[in-house]
Every structure is written in C-alpha cells, then in structure tokens.
C-alpha cells in the first residue's frame, strides 16, 4: 500500500473512569444525557459504596466543578471529555464528593480525580457516572453502550 494511503494509527484512547456496568444512555432519566445533547456519551452504574472517579483520557483538567460532581478534560489531540457524576448531584454542593486533583492539572488516564461516597448519595440520586465527548475534534468516536467495564479499560467502540 502506498504510504500516503495508510491510515494514521491513533495514539489516544478513552477509558472507563470507574468499574461497573455500562448502561444504555437512552434510558437515563435526564433528557440532556439520554438524548446525547452534549455529545457522544455512555454511562456506568457503580455498585461500590465508595469509588474514585479517574481521568478517562491523558490530558489537562480544564474544569473541576467546585461541587466535585463533574470535571472536564482536554487531550493534546483536541478531544474534550466531560465526566458527570450522578444526576442532579450539584444540589449537594460538594457533600459526598472529595476533589483529589485541581483545575489545570495535567494527568494521565486512570489518575483518580474525584472520590465519591456512592452509599450516601445513592439514597437520593441516580448515581450513574456519565462520560460525554463534548468535542470530537474531527474524529469519529463511538463509545461502548453495554456490558461490564473495569477502570482503565477502553470504552471506545470505534475511533478514527
């Protein structure tokens, strides 16, 4: 094959930020997430009472919400990923969340970002961990939408 026709191999990946069961995003009780308004998405149901939510990509933490319920990252390839922990958990004003990293920190995939007391928050909120690609930066990315996942395991079904 001619060199210029070869596809460039991607060196990035998006990994599960926590272990659990991937659920069909369209079943979420919040239309903004269920209809993928913000971008290609998937969600993980966590069964543990406490878990650390890790970086799904190598990159910079562009935003870590003061409440700890969400964080956004930017990869060197220009891909933007938002991790949102629970539905409506912003109402807790940080109660049940422990920030382990700060905005503008450079981290690698798998680095713990937020500690979450799922046992405490689960009694009041739907505690799915939602991963949203808010900017694919010209890439075609499809995320896995079912099955079990382990923290650090690729959740990309297709990228090019």
N, C-alpha and C. Protein backbone atom coordinates (compact mmCIF):
# COMPACT_ATOMS: atom_id res chain seq x y z
N UNK A 1 0.85 -1.18 0.00
CA UNK A 1 0.00 0.00 0.00
C UNK A 1 0.89 1.24 0.00
N UNK A 2 0.47 2.24 -0.75
CA UNK A 2 1.21 3.48 -0.78
C UNK A 2 1.18 4.14 0.58
N UNK A 3 2.30 4.71 0.98
CA UNK A 3 2.45 5.31 2.31
C UNK A 3 1.37 6.35 2.61
N UNK A 4 1.03 7.19 1.62
CA UNK A 4 0.06 8.26 1.90
C UNK A 4 -1.37 7.74 2.05
N UNK A 5 -1.62 6.49 1.65
CA UNK A 5 -2.96 5.93 1.80
C UNK A 5 -3.16 5.22 3.13
N UNK A 6 -2.07 4.98 3.85
CA UNK A 6 -2.19 4.31 5.15
C UNK A 6 -2.86 5.25 6.15
N UNK A 7 -3.79 4.66 6.91
CA UNK A 7 -4.44 5.46 7.96
C UNK A 7 -3.47 5.64 9.11
N UNK A 8 -3.45 6.84 9.64
CA UNK A 8 -2.62 7.12 10.79
C UNK A 8 -3.20 6.40 12.00
N UNK A 9 -2.38 5.66 12.69
CA UNK A 9 -2.83 4.95 13.88
C UNK A 9 -3.03 5.96 15.01
N UNK A 10 -4.20 5.88 15.65
CA UNK A 10 -4.50 6.79 16.74
C UNK A 10 -3.70 6.37 17.97
N UNK A 11 -3.19 7.33 18.68
CA UNK A 11 -2.39 7.03 19.87
C UNK A 11 -3.17 7.33 21.15
N UNK A 12 -4.38 7.85 21.04
CA UNK A 12 -5.19 8.18 22.20
C UNK A 12 -6.26 7.12 22.43
N UNK A 13 -6.83 7.14 23.61
CA UNK A 13 -7.93 6.24 23.93
C UNK A 13 -8.79 6.92 24.99
N UNK A 14 -9.99 6.44 25.16
CA UNK A 14 -10.87 6.88 26.23
C UNK A 14 -11.18 5.64 27.05
N UNK A 15 -10.93 5.72 28.35
CA UNK A 15 -11.08 4.54 29.21
C UNK A 15 -12.15 4.78 30.27
N UNK A 16 -12.65 3.68 30.82
CA UNK A 16 -13.65 3.77 31.89
C UNK A 16 -13.04 4.48 33.09
N UNK A 17 -13.73 5.50 33.60
CA UNK A 17 -13.22 6.23 34.76
C UNK A 17 -13.49 5.52 36.08
N UNK A 18 -14.27 4.43 36.02
CA UNK A 18 -14.65 3.68 37.21
C UNK A 18 -15.13 2.30 36.76
N UNK A 19 -15.04 1.33 37.64
CA UNK A 19 -15.55 -0.01 37.32
C UNK A 19 -17.04 -0.08 37.56
N UNK A 20 -17.73 -0.88 36.75
CA UNK A 20 -19.17 -1.05 36.92
C UNK A 20 -19.82 -1.68 35.71
N UNK A 21 -21.08 -1.36 35.53
CA UNK A 21 -21.88 -1.89 34.43
C UNK A 21 -22.27 -0.72 33.52
N UNK A 22 -21.91 -0.82 32.24
CA UNK A 22 -22.28 0.22 31.28
C UNK A 22 -23.77 0.05 30.96
N UNK A 23 -24.50 1.16 31.04
CA UNK A 23 -25.94 1.12 30.78
C UNK A 23 -26.27 1.90 29.51
N UNK A 24 -27.39 1.56 28.92
CA UNK A 24 -27.86 2.23 27.71
C UNK A 24 -28.16 3.69 28.05
N UNK A 25 -27.43 4.60 27.45
CA UNK A 25 -27.56 6.03 27.75
C UNK A 25 -28.98 6.53 27.51
N UNK A 26 -29.69 5.94 26.56
CA UNK A 26 -31.04 6.42 26.23
C UNK A 26 -32.04 6.15 27.35
N UNK A 27 -31.66 5.33 28.34
CA UNK A 27 -32.57 5.02 29.44
C UNK A 27 -32.41 5.97 30.63
N UNK A 28 -31.47 6.89 30.56
CA UNK A 28 -31.25 7.80 31.68
C UNK A 28 -32.46 8.70 31.91
N UNK A 29 -32.76 9.04 33.17
CA UNK A 29 -33.94 9.84 33.49
C UNK A 29 -33.77 11.35 33.24
N UNK A 30 -32.72 11.73 32.56
CA UNK A 30 -32.47 13.14 32.24
C UNK A 30 -32.27 13.23 30.73
N UNK A 31 -33.17 13.95 30.05
CA UNK A 31 -33.14 14.03 28.58
C UNK A 31 -31.84 14.60 28.03
N UNK A 32 -31.23 15.53 28.76
CA UNK A 32 -29.97 16.11 28.27
C UNK A 32 -28.93 15.01 28.06
N UNK A 33 -28.88 14.04 28.97
CA UNK A 33 -27.94 12.93 28.84
C UNK A 33 -28.49 11.85 27.92
N UNK A 34 -29.74 11.48 28.11
CA UNK A 34 -30.35 10.37 27.35
C UNK A 34 -30.36 10.63 25.85
N UNK A 35 -30.51 11.89 25.46
CA UNK A 35 -30.57 12.23 24.03
C UNK A 35 -29.22 12.71 23.49
N UNK A 36 -28.17 12.58 24.30
CA UNK A 36 -26.81 12.95 23.90
C UNK A 36 -26.71 14.39 23.40
N UNK A 37 -27.42 15.28 24.08
CA UNK A 37 -27.43 16.69 23.69
C UNK A 37 -26.02 17.28 23.69
N UNK A 38 -25.20 16.88 24.66
CA UNK A 38 -23.85 17.44 24.78
C UNK A 38 -22.80 16.71 23.94
N UNK A 39 -23.17 15.53 23.40
CA UNK A 39 -22.23 14.77 22.58
C UNK A 39 -22.33 13.27 22.82
N UNK A 40 -21.53 12.54 22.08
CA UNK A 40 -21.47 11.08 22.22
C UNK A 40 -21.23 10.73 23.69
N UNK A 41 -22.02 9.81 24.22
CA UNK A 41 -21.99 9.54 25.66
C UNK A 41 -22.17 8.07 25.99
N UNK A 42 -21.79 7.73 27.20
CA UNK A 42 -22.10 6.44 27.80
C UNK A 42 -22.17 6.66 29.30
N UNK A 43 -22.70 5.67 30.01
CA UNK A 43 -22.84 5.82 31.46
C UNK A 43 -22.49 4.51 32.15
N UNK A 44 -21.93 4.63 33.36
CA UNK A 44 -21.52 3.48 34.15
C UNK A 44 -22.28 3.48 35.47
N UNK A 45 -22.93 2.35 35.76
CA UNK A 45 -23.57 2.15 37.06
C UNK A 45 -22.52 1.55 37.99
N UNK A 46 -22.31 2.21 39.12
CA UNK A 46 -21.30 1.79 40.09
C UNK A 46 -22.01 1.11 41.26
N UNK A 47 -21.56 -0.09 41.60
CA UNK A 47 -22.19 -0.82 42.70
C UNK A 47 -21.46 -0.65 44.03
N UNK A 48 -20.24 -0.11 43.99
CA UNK A 48 -19.45 0.07 45.21
C UNK A 48 -20.04 1.19 46.07
N UNK A 49 -19.76 1.16 47.37
CA UNK A 49 -20.20 2.21 48.28
C UNK A 49 -19.33 3.45 48.18
N UNK A 50 -18.06 3.26 47.84
CA UNK A 50 -17.13 4.36 47.64
C UNK A 50 -16.28 4.02 46.42
N UNK A 51 -16.02 5.01 45.59
CA UNK A 51 -15.14 4.79 44.44
C UNK A 51 -14.47 6.11 44.07
N UNK A 52 -13.29 5.99 43.49
CA UNK A 52 -12.60 7.15 42.95
C UNK A 52 -12.87 7.19 41.45
N UNK A 53 -13.32 8.34 40.98
CA UNK A 53 -13.58 8.53 39.56
C UNK A 53 -12.29 9.04 38.94
N UNK A 54 -11.81 8.32 37.94
CA UNK A 54 -10.50 8.58 37.36
C UNK A 54 -10.59 9.31 36.02
N UNK A 55 -9.49 9.87 35.61
CA UNK A 55 -9.40 10.52 34.30
C UNK A 55 -9.63 9.49 33.21
N UNK A 56 -10.52 9.77 32.25
CA UNK A 56 -10.76 8.84 31.15
C UNK A 56 -9.78 9.00 29.99
N UNK A 57 -8.97 10.05 30.05
CA UNK A 57 -8.01 10.34 28.98
C UNK A 57 -6.74 10.95 29.58
N UNK A 58 -5.68 10.94 28.80
CA UNK A 58 -4.49 11.73 29.15
C UNK A 58 -4.80 13.17 28.76
N UNK A 59 -4.53 14.11 29.65
CA UNK A 59 -4.78 15.50 29.27
C UNK A 59 -4.76 16.45 30.44
N UNK A 60 -5.37 17.60 30.22
CA UNK A 60 -5.42 18.67 31.21
C UNK A 60 -6.84 18.75 31.76
N UNK A 61 -6.94 18.90 33.07
CA UNK A 61 -8.24 19.14 33.70
C UNK A 61 -8.59 20.60 33.45
N UNK A 62 -9.45 20.84 32.48
CA UNK A 62 -9.82 22.22 32.13
C UNK A 62 -10.82 22.79 33.09
N UNK A 63 -11.63 21.94 33.71
CA UNK A 63 -12.58 22.39 34.72
C UNK A 63 -12.81 21.27 35.73
N UNK A 64 -12.78 21.62 36.99
CA UNK A 64 -13.20 20.73 38.07
C UNK A 64 -14.23 21.55 38.83
N UNK A 65 -15.50 21.13 38.74
CA UNK A 65 -16.56 21.90 39.37
C UNK A 65 -16.32 21.99 40.87
N UNK A 66 -16.56 23.14 41.47
CA UNK A 66 -16.35 23.32 42.91
C UNK A 66 -17.11 22.29 43.75
N UNK A 67 -18.24 21.83 43.23
CA UNK A 67 -19.07 20.85 43.94
C UNK A 67 -18.51 19.43 43.82
N UNK A 68 -17.57 19.21 42.90
CA UNK A 68 -16.98 17.89 42.70
C UNK A 68 -17.84 16.94 41.90
N UNK A 69 -19.00 17.37 41.44
CA UNK A 69 -19.92 16.47 40.73
C UNK A 69 -19.55 16.26 39.25
N UNK A 70 -18.59 17.02 38.74
CA UNK A 70 -18.22 16.90 37.33
C UNK A 70 -16.84 17.49 37.09
N UNK A 71 -16.20 17.00 36.02
CA UNK A 71 -14.93 17.58 35.58
C UNK A 71 -14.80 17.41 34.07
N UNK A 72 -14.07 18.35 33.46
CA UNK A 72 -13.86 18.33 32.02
C UNK A 72 -12.38 18.28 31.69
N UNK A 73 -12.05 17.53 30.63
CA UNK A 73 -10.66 17.35 30.23
C UNK A 73 -10.45 17.67 28.76
N UNK A 74 -9.23 18.04 28.43
CA UNK A 74 -8.82 18.31 27.06
C UNK A 74 -7.57 17.50 26.77
N UNK A 75 -7.60 16.72 25.67
CA UNK A 75 -6.43 15.93 25.28
C UNK A 75 -5.54 16.77 24.36
N UNK A 76 -4.32 16.32 24.16
CA UNK A 76 -3.41 17.05 23.25
C UNK A 76 -3.91 16.98 21.81
N UNK A 77 -4.80 16.03 21.51
CA UNK A 77 -5.39 15.92 20.17
C UNK A 77 -6.59 16.83 20.01
N UNK A 78 -6.97 17.56 21.07
CA UNK A 78 -8.09 18.49 21.00
C UNK A 78 -9.44 17.87 21.31
N UNK A 79 -9.46 16.65 21.80
CA UNK A 79 -10.70 15.99 22.17
C UNK A 79 -11.07 16.46 23.58
N UNK A 80 -12.34 16.83 23.75
CA UNK A 80 -12.82 17.29 25.05
C UNK A 80 -13.79 16.27 25.63
N UNK A 81 -13.57 15.90 26.88
CA UNK A 81 -14.38 14.88 27.56
C UNK A 81 -14.87 15.44 28.89
N UNK A 82 -16.17 15.28 29.14
CA UNK A 82 -16.79 15.69 30.39
C UNK A 82 -17.21 14.44 31.15
N UNK A 83 -16.91 14.38 32.44
CA UNK A 83 -17.37 13.30 33.30
C UNK A 83 -18.33 13.91 34.32
N UNK A 84 -19.56 13.43 34.32
CA UNK A 84 -20.60 13.96 35.22
C UNK A 84 -21.00 12.83 36.16
N UNK A 85 -20.95 13.08 37.46
CA UNK A 85 -21.17 12.04 38.47
C UNK A 85 -22.55 12.22 39.10
N UNK A 86 -23.48 11.34 38.74
CA UNK A 86 -24.84 11.39 39.27
C UNK A 86 -25.69 12.42 38.55
N UNK A 87 -27.00 12.26 38.71
CA UNK A 87 -27.95 13.19 38.10
C UNK A 87 -28.50 14.10 39.19
N UNK A 88 -28.37 15.40 38.97
CA UNK A 88 -28.79 16.45 39.90
C UNK A 88 -27.96 16.52 41.18
N UNK A 89 -26.82 15.88 41.21
CA UNK A 89 -25.98 15.88 42.41
C UNK A 89 -25.34 17.24 42.69
N UNK A 90 -25.42 18.17 41.76
CA UNK A 90 -24.94 19.53 42.00
C UNK A 90 -25.67 20.12 43.21
N UNK A 91 -26.89 19.63 43.46
CA UNK A 91 -27.70 20.10 44.60
C UNK A 91 -27.01 19.85 45.94
N UNK A 92 -26.11 18.89 46.00
CA UNK A 92 -25.44 18.54 47.26
C UNK A 92 -24.33 19.53 47.64
N UNK A 93 -23.98 20.42 46.71
CA UNK A 93 -22.97 21.44 46.96
C UNK A 93 -21.66 20.85 47.49
N UNK A 94 -21.27 19.72 46.93
CA UNK A 94 -19.99 19.10 47.30
C UNK A 94 -20.09 18.02 48.35
N UNK A 95 -21.21 17.91 49.04
CA UNK A 95 -21.40 16.89 50.06
C UNK A 95 -21.37 15.49 49.43
N UNK A 96 -20.44 14.65 49.85
CA UNK A 96 -20.29 13.31 49.28
C UNK A 96 -19.21 13.20 48.22
N UNK A 97 -18.58 14.33 47.89
CA UNK A 97 -17.54 14.36 46.87
C UNK A 97 -16.23 14.87 47.48
N UNK A 98 -15.12 14.28 47.07
CA UNK A 98 -13.81 14.70 47.54
C UNK A 98 -12.92 14.95 46.32
N UNK A 99 -12.55 16.22 46.09
CA UNK A 99 -11.70 16.55 44.95
C UNK A 99 -10.26 16.12 45.25
N UNK A 100 -9.69 15.31 44.37
CA UNK A 100 -8.33 14.79 44.55
C UNK A 100 -7.32 15.50 43.65
N UNK A 101 -7.80 16.16 42.62
CA UNK A 101 -6.96 16.93 41.69
C UNK A 101 -7.61 18.28 41.45
N UNK A 102 -6.86 19.19 40.85
CA UNK A 102 -7.33 20.56 40.66
C UNK A 102 -7.37 20.94 39.19
N UNK A 103 -8.15 21.97 38.91
CA UNK A 103 -8.22 22.53 37.57
C UNK A 103 -6.82 22.90 37.10
N UNK A 104 -6.55 22.61 35.83
CA UNK A 104 -5.28 22.85 35.13
C UNK A 104 -4.20 21.81 35.44
N UNK A 105 -4.49 20.83 36.30
CA UNK A 105 -3.54 19.72 36.50
C UNK A 105 -3.45 18.91 35.22
N UNK A 106 -2.26 18.45 34.88
CA UNK A 106 -2.06 17.52 33.78
C UNK A 106 -2.03 16.12 34.37
N UNK A 107 -2.87 15.24 33.83
CA UNK A 107 -2.98 13.89 34.38
C UNK A 107 -2.98 12.86 33.25
N UNK A 108 -2.74 11.62 33.63
CA UNK A 108 -2.84 10.51 32.68
C UNK A 108 -4.12 9.76 32.95
N UNK A 109 -4.61 9.05 31.93
CA UNK A 109 -5.81 8.23 32.08
C UNK A 109 -5.61 7.28 33.25
N UNK A 110 -6.63 7.18 34.10
CA UNK A 110 -6.56 6.32 35.27
C UNK A 110 -6.18 7.03 36.56
N UNK A 111 -5.80 8.31 36.47
CA UNK A 111 -5.47 9.09 37.66
C UNK A 111 -6.77 9.43 38.41
N UNK A 112 -6.86 9.12 39.71
CA UNK A 112 -8.06 9.48 40.47
C UNK A 112 -8.25 11.01 40.52
N UNK A 113 -9.49 11.45 40.21
CA UNK A 113 -9.81 12.88 40.18
C UNK A 113 -10.78 13.25 41.30
N UNK A 114 -11.82 12.44 41.50
CA UNK A 114 -12.86 12.72 42.50
C UNK A 114 -13.18 11.45 43.27
N UNK A 115 -13.19 11.53 44.60
CA UNK A 115 -13.67 10.44 45.43
C UNK A 115 -15.15 10.64 45.68
N UNK A 116 -15.94 9.55 45.60
CA UNK A 116 -17.39 9.67 45.71
C UNK A 116 -17.94 8.68 46.73
N UNK A 117 -18.75 9.20 47.65
CA UNK A 117 -19.46 8.38 48.63
C UNK A 117 -20.78 7.95 48.00
N UNK A 118 -20.73 6.89 47.19
CA UNK A 118 -21.92 6.42 46.49
C UNK A 118 -23.00 5.96 47.46
N UNK A 119 -22.63 5.33 48.56
CA UNK A 119 -23.61 4.84 49.54
C UNK A 119 -24.45 6.01 50.05
N UNK A 120 -23.84 7.11 50.36
CA UNK A 120 -24.54 8.28 50.88
C UNK A 120 -25.43 8.92 49.82
N UNK A 121 -24.89 9.10 48.62
CA UNK A 121 -25.60 9.83 47.57
C UNK A 121 -26.66 8.98 46.86
N UNK A 122 -26.47 7.67 46.82
CA UNK A 122 -27.38 6.78 46.12
C UNK A 122 -28.80 6.80 46.69
N UNK A 123 -28.94 7.11 47.97
CA UNK A 123 -30.27 7.13 48.58
C UNK A 123 -31.15 8.27 48.04
N UNK A 124 -30.52 9.28 47.47
CA UNK A 124 -31.25 10.45 46.99
C UNK A 124 -31.14 10.68 45.48
N UNK A 125 -30.07 10.17 44.87
CA UNK A 125 -29.81 10.48 43.46
C UNK A 125 -29.55 9.22 42.63
N UNK A 126 -29.79 9.34 41.32
CA UNK A 126 -29.39 8.31 40.37
C UNK A 126 -27.90 8.52 40.17
N UNK A 127 -27.09 7.58 40.64
CA UNK A 127 -25.64 7.79 40.71
C UNK A 127 -24.85 7.17 39.55
N UNK A 128 -25.32 7.37 38.34
CA UNK A 128 -24.57 6.94 37.18
C UNK A 128 -23.41 7.89 36.93
N UNK A 129 -22.30 7.35 36.44
CA UNK A 129 -21.16 8.16 36.04
C UNK A 129 -21.25 8.28 34.52
N UNK A 130 -21.45 9.50 34.04
CA UNK A 130 -21.71 9.74 32.63
C UNK A 130 -20.45 10.32 31.98
N UNK A 131 -20.04 9.70 30.87
CA UNK A 131 -18.87 10.14 30.12
C UNK A 131 -19.37 10.73 28.80
N UNK A 132 -19.03 11.98 28.53
CA UNK A 132 -19.53 12.68 27.36
C UNK A 132 -18.36 13.25 26.57
N UNK A 133 -18.33 12.98 25.28
CA UNK A 133 -17.33 13.59 24.41
C UNK A 133 -17.96 14.87 23.87
N UNK A 134 -17.58 15.99 24.43
CA UNK A 134 -18.21 17.25 24.06
C UNK A 134 -17.61 17.85 22.79
N UNK A 135 -16.41 17.39 22.42
CA UNK A 135 -15.77 17.83 21.18
C UNK A 135 -14.91 16.69 20.65
N UNK A 136 -15.31 16.12 19.52
CA UNK A 136 -14.54 15.02 18.93
C UNK A 136 -13.38 15.52 18.08
N UNK A 137 -13.34 16.82 17.83
CA UNK A 137 -12.26 17.46 17.08
C UNK A 137 -11.96 16.75 15.76
N UNK A 138 -13.01 16.45 15.01
CA UNK A 138 -12.85 15.86 13.69
C UNK A 138 -12.71 14.35 13.68
N UNK A 139 -12.65 13.72 14.83
CA UNK A 139 -12.57 12.27 14.92
C UNK A 139 -13.98 11.67 14.93
N UNK A 140 -14.09 10.43 14.53
CA UNK A 140 -15.34 9.70 14.66
C UNK A 140 -15.17 8.77 15.85
N UNK A 141 -15.91 9.05 16.91
CA UNK A 141 -15.76 8.27 18.14
C UNK A 141 -17.12 7.73 18.55
N UNK A 142 -17.18 6.44 18.80
CA UNK A 142 -18.39 5.80 19.28
C UNK A 142 -18.02 5.05 20.56
N UNK A 143 -18.79 5.29 21.61
CA UNK A 143 -18.50 4.66 22.89
C UNK A 143 -19.32 3.40 23.10
N UNK A 144 -18.77 2.46 23.85
CA UNK A 144 -19.46 1.22 24.18
C UNK A 144 -20.73 1.58 24.95
N UNK A 145 -21.83 0.86 24.68
CA UNK A 145 -23.08 1.20 25.34
C UNK A 145 -23.69 0.07 26.17
N UNK A 146 -22.91 -0.98 26.43
CA UNK A 146 -23.40 -2.04 27.32
C UNK A 146 -22.25 -2.91 27.78
N UNK A 147 -22.51 -3.71 28.83
CA UNK A 147 -21.52 -4.65 29.34
C UNK A 147 -20.80 -4.14 30.57
N UNK A 148 -20.02 -5.01 31.15
CA UNK A 148 -19.23 -4.65 32.33
C UNK A 148 -17.96 -3.92 31.89
N UNK A 149 -17.44 -3.08 32.77
CA UNK A 149 -16.18 -2.40 32.48
C UNK A 149 -15.36 -2.31 33.75
N UNK A 150 -14.07 -2.27 33.57
CA UNK A 150 -13.13 -2.06 34.67
C UNK A 150 -12.46 -0.72 34.47
N UNK A 151 -12.16 -0.04 35.57
CA UNK A 151 -11.49 1.24 35.47
C UNK A 151 -10.22 1.06 34.63
N UNK A 152 -10.01 1.97 33.70
CA UNK A 152 -8.83 1.91 32.83
C UNK A 152 -9.02 1.12 31.56
N UNK A 153 -10.14 0.43 31.41
CA UNK A 153 -10.43 -0.37 30.21
C UNK A 153 -11.01 0.53 29.13
N UNK A 154 -10.59 0.35 27.89
CA UNK A 154 -11.09 1.16 26.79
C UNK A 154 -12.62 1.04 26.67
N UNK A 155 -13.27 2.19 26.47
CA UNK A 155 -14.72 2.20 26.25
C UNK A 155 -15.04 2.75 24.85
N UNK A 156 -14.02 2.82 24.00
CA UNK A 156 -14.22 3.28 22.64
C UNK A 156 -14.55 2.08 21.76
N UNK A 157 -15.71 2.16 21.11
CA UNK A 157 -16.11 1.12 20.18
C UNK A 157 -15.40 1.33 18.85
N UNK A 158 -15.25 2.60 18.47
CA UNK A 158 -14.67 2.92 17.18
C UNK A 158 -14.05 4.31 17.25
N UNK A 159 -12.83 4.44 16.77
CA UNK A 159 -12.26 5.78 16.61
C UNK A 159 -11.34 5.79 15.40
N UNK A 160 -11.39 6.92 14.71
CA UNK A 160 -10.56 7.06 13.51
C UNK A 160 -10.30 8.52 13.22
